[in-house]
């Protein structure tokens, strides 16, 4: 089974994790749990990317 180009998979993971993180942080900001800041979005995106990498390996 071909796994695909790792660069494309990395970029797809980056984009999708960033979108997911933005939506989650926006929702948490909407209910006043955390602030919607680039730092919070980037932190959650990196966490989701790492978790995705671990789960798929």
N, C-alpha and C. Protein backbone atom coordinates (compact mmCIF):
# COMPACT_ATOMS: atom_id res chain seq x y z
N UNK A 1 0.84 -1.18 0.00
CA UNK A 1 0.00 0.00 0.00
C UNK A 1 0.89 1.24 0.00
N UNK A 2 0.63 2.16 -0.89
CA UNK A 2 1.39 3.40 -0.98
C UNK A 2 0.92 4.36 0.11
N UNK A 3 1.89 4.97 0.79
CA UNK A 3 1.55 5.89 1.89
C UNK A 3 1.41 7.32 1.42
N UNK A 4 1.90 7.66 0.26
CA UNK A 4 1.81 9.03 -0.23
C UNK A 4 3.04 9.83 0.14
N UNK A 5 3.11 11.01 -0.40
CA UNK A 5 4.24 11.91 -0.15
C UNK A 5 4.15 12.47 1.27
N UNK A 6 5.16 12.25 2.10
CA UNK A 6 5.09 12.73 3.49
C UNK A 6 4.92 14.24 3.61
N UNK A 7 5.43 15.01 2.66
CA UNK A 7 5.27 16.46 2.71
C UNK A 7 3.82 16.86 2.55
N UNK A 8 3.13 16.18 1.64
CA UNK A 8 1.71 16.48 1.42
C UNK A 8 0.91 16.09 2.66
N UNK A 9 1.22 14.94 3.23
CA UNK A 9 0.52 14.51 4.45
C UNK A 9 0.76 15.48 5.60
N UNK A 10 1.99 15.98 5.72
CA UNK A 10 2.31 16.95 6.78
C UNK A 10 1.51 18.23 6.60
N UNK A 11 1.46 18.74 5.38
CA UNK A 11 0.72 19.99 5.12
C UNK A 11 -0.77 19.79 5.34
N UNK A 12 -1.31 18.65 4.90
CA UNK A 12 -2.73 18.37 5.14
C UNK A 12 -3.01 18.30 6.64
N UNK A 13 -2.14 17.64 7.38
CA UNK A 13 -2.31 17.54 8.83
C UNK A 13 -2.23 18.93 9.47
N UNK A 14 -1.30 19.75 9.02
CA UNK A 14 -1.14 21.10 9.54
C UNK A 14 -2.40 21.94 9.29
N UNK A 15 -2.90 21.91 8.07
CA UNK A 15 -4.08 22.71 7.72
C UNK A 15 -5.32 22.23 8.48
N UNK A 16 -5.56 20.93 8.46
CA UNK A 16 -6.77 20.41 9.12
C UNK A 16 -6.70 20.57 10.64
N UNK A 17 -5.52 20.36 11.21
CA UNK A 17 -5.38 20.55 12.66
C UNK A 17 -5.56 22.01 13.04
N UNK A 18 -5.06 22.91 12.21
CA UNK A 18 -5.21 24.35 12.49
C UNK A 18 -6.68 24.77 12.41
N UNK A 19 -7.39 24.28 11.42
CA UNK A 19 -8.82 24.60 11.31
C UNK A 19 -9.57 24.06 12.52
N UNK A 20 -9.29 22.80 12.88
CA UNK A 20 -9.95 22.19 14.02
C UNK A 20 -9.65 22.98 15.30
N UNK A 21 -8.38 23.33 15.49
CA UNK A 21 -7.98 24.07 16.69
C UNK A 21 -8.65 25.43 16.74
N UNK A 22 -8.74 26.10 15.61
CA UNK A 22 -9.39 27.41 15.56
C UNK A 22 -10.86 27.30 15.97
N UNK A 23 -11.55 26.30 15.46
CA UNK A 23 -12.97 26.12 15.79
C UNK A 23 -13.14 25.80 17.27
N UNK A 24 -12.29 24.92 17.80
CA UNK A 24 -12.41 24.55 19.21
C UNK A 24 -12.11 25.74 20.12
N UNK A 25 -11.03 26.46 19.84
CA UNK A 25 -10.68 27.61 20.67
C UNK A 25 -11.74 28.71 20.54
N UNK A 26 -12.28 28.90 19.34
CA UNK A 26 -13.35 29.89 19.17
C UNK A 26 -14.56 29.50 20.02
N UNK A 27 -14.92 28.21 20.00
CA UNK A 27 -16.05 27.76 20.81
C UNK A 27 -15.80 27.94 22.30
N UNK A 28 -14.58 27.64 22.74
CA UNK A 28 -14.25 27.83 24.15
C UNK A 28 -14.21 29.31 24.51
N UNK A 29 -13.79 30.16 23.58
CA UNK A 29 -13.82 31.60 23.82
C UNK A 29 -15.26 32.10 23.88
N UNK A 30 -16.11 31.52 23.07
CA UNK A 30 -17.53 31.91 23.03
C UNK A 30 -18.20 31.67 24.38
N UNK A 31 -17.80 30.58 25.06
CA UNK A 31 -18.38 30.30 26.38
C UNK A 31 -17.46 30.77 27.52
N UNK A 32 -16.49 31.62 27.18
CA UNK A 32 -15.59 32.25 28.15
C UNK A 32 -14.78 31.26 28.99
N UNK A 33 -14.22 30.26 28.33
CA UNK A 33 -13.34 29.32 29.02
C UNK A 33 -11.88 29.69 28.79
N UNK A 34 -11.52 29.96 27.54
CA UNK A 34 -10.17 30.42 27.19
C UNK A 34 -10.29 31.56 26.19
N UNK A 35 -9.20 32.30 26.04
CA UNK A 35 -9.19 33.41 25.09
C UNK A 35 -8.79 32.93 23.71
N UNK A 36 -9.39 33.54 22.71
CA UNK A 36 -9.05 33.23 21.32
C UNK A 36 -7.80 34.03 20.96
N UNK A 37 -6.63 33.40 21.09
CA UNK A 37 -5.37 34.03 20.76
C UNK A 37 -4.61 33.12 19.80
N UNK A 38 -3.73 33.69 18.99
CA UNK A 38 -2.92 32.86 18.10
C UNK A 38 -2.09 31.81 18.86
N UNK A 39 -1.61 32.17 20.04
CA UNK A 39 -0.83 31.24 20.85
C UNK A 39 -1.66 30.02 21.24
N UNK A 40 -2.91 30.23 21.68
CA UNK A 40 -3.77 29.11 22.07
C UNK A 40 -4.11 28.24 20.87
N UNK A 41 -4.39 28.86 19.74
CA UNK A 41 -4.72 28.10 18.53
C UNK A 41 -3.51 27.28 18.08
N UNK A 42 -2.34 27.90 18.06
CA UNK A 42 -1.13 27.19 17.62
C UNK A 42 -0.78 26.05 18.57
N UNK A 43 -0.95 26.27 19.86
CA UNK A 43 -0.66 25.22 20.83
C UNK A 43 -1.58 24.01 20.64
N UNK A 44 -2.85 24.28 20.49
CA UNK A 44 -3.79 23.17 20.28
C UNK A 44 -3.55 22.49 18.94
N UNK A 45 -3.23 23.25 17.92
CA UNK A 45 -2.95 22.67 16.60
C UNK A 45 -1.74 21.74 16.68
N UNK A 46 -0.69 22.16 17.37
CA UNK A 46 0.49 21.30 17.51
C UNK A 46 0.17 20.05 18.31
N UNK A 47 -0.64 20.18 19.33
CA UNK A 47 -1.05 19.03 20.12
C UNK A 47 -1.85 18.04 19.27
N UNK A 48 -2.78 18.56 18.48
CA UNK A 48 -3.59 17.69 17.61
C UNK A 48 -2.71 17.03 16.55
N UNK A 49 -1.75 17.79 16.00
CA UNK A 49 -0.84 17.22 15.00
C UNK A 49 -0.01 16.09 15.60
N UNK A 50 0.50 16.30 16.79
CA UNK A 50 1.31 15.26 17.45
C UNK A 50 0.47 14.03 17.76
N UNK A 51 -0.73 14.25 18.24
CA UNK A 51 -1.62 13.14 18.55
C UNK A 51 -1.97 12.36 17.27
N UNK A 52 -2.24 13.06 16.19
CA UNK A 52 -2.54 12.42 14.92
C UNK A 52 -1.36 11.60 14.44
N UNK A 53 -0.16 12.14 14.57
CA UNK A 53 1.05 11.43 14.15
C UNK A 53 1.23 10.14 14.96
N UNK A 54 1.05 10.22 16.27
CA UNK A 54 1.22 9.05 17.13
C UNK A 54 0.17 7.98 16.82
N UNK A 55 -1.06 8.40 16.62
CA UNK A 55 -2.14 7.44 16.36
C UNK A 55 -1.97 6.75 15.01
N UNK A 56 -1.46 7.47 14.02
CA UNK A 56 -1.35 6.87 12.68
C UNK A 56 -0.07 6.08 12.48
N UNK A 57 0.87 6.12 13.40
CA UNK A 57 2.12 5.35 13.26
C UNK A 57 2.02 4.04 13.91
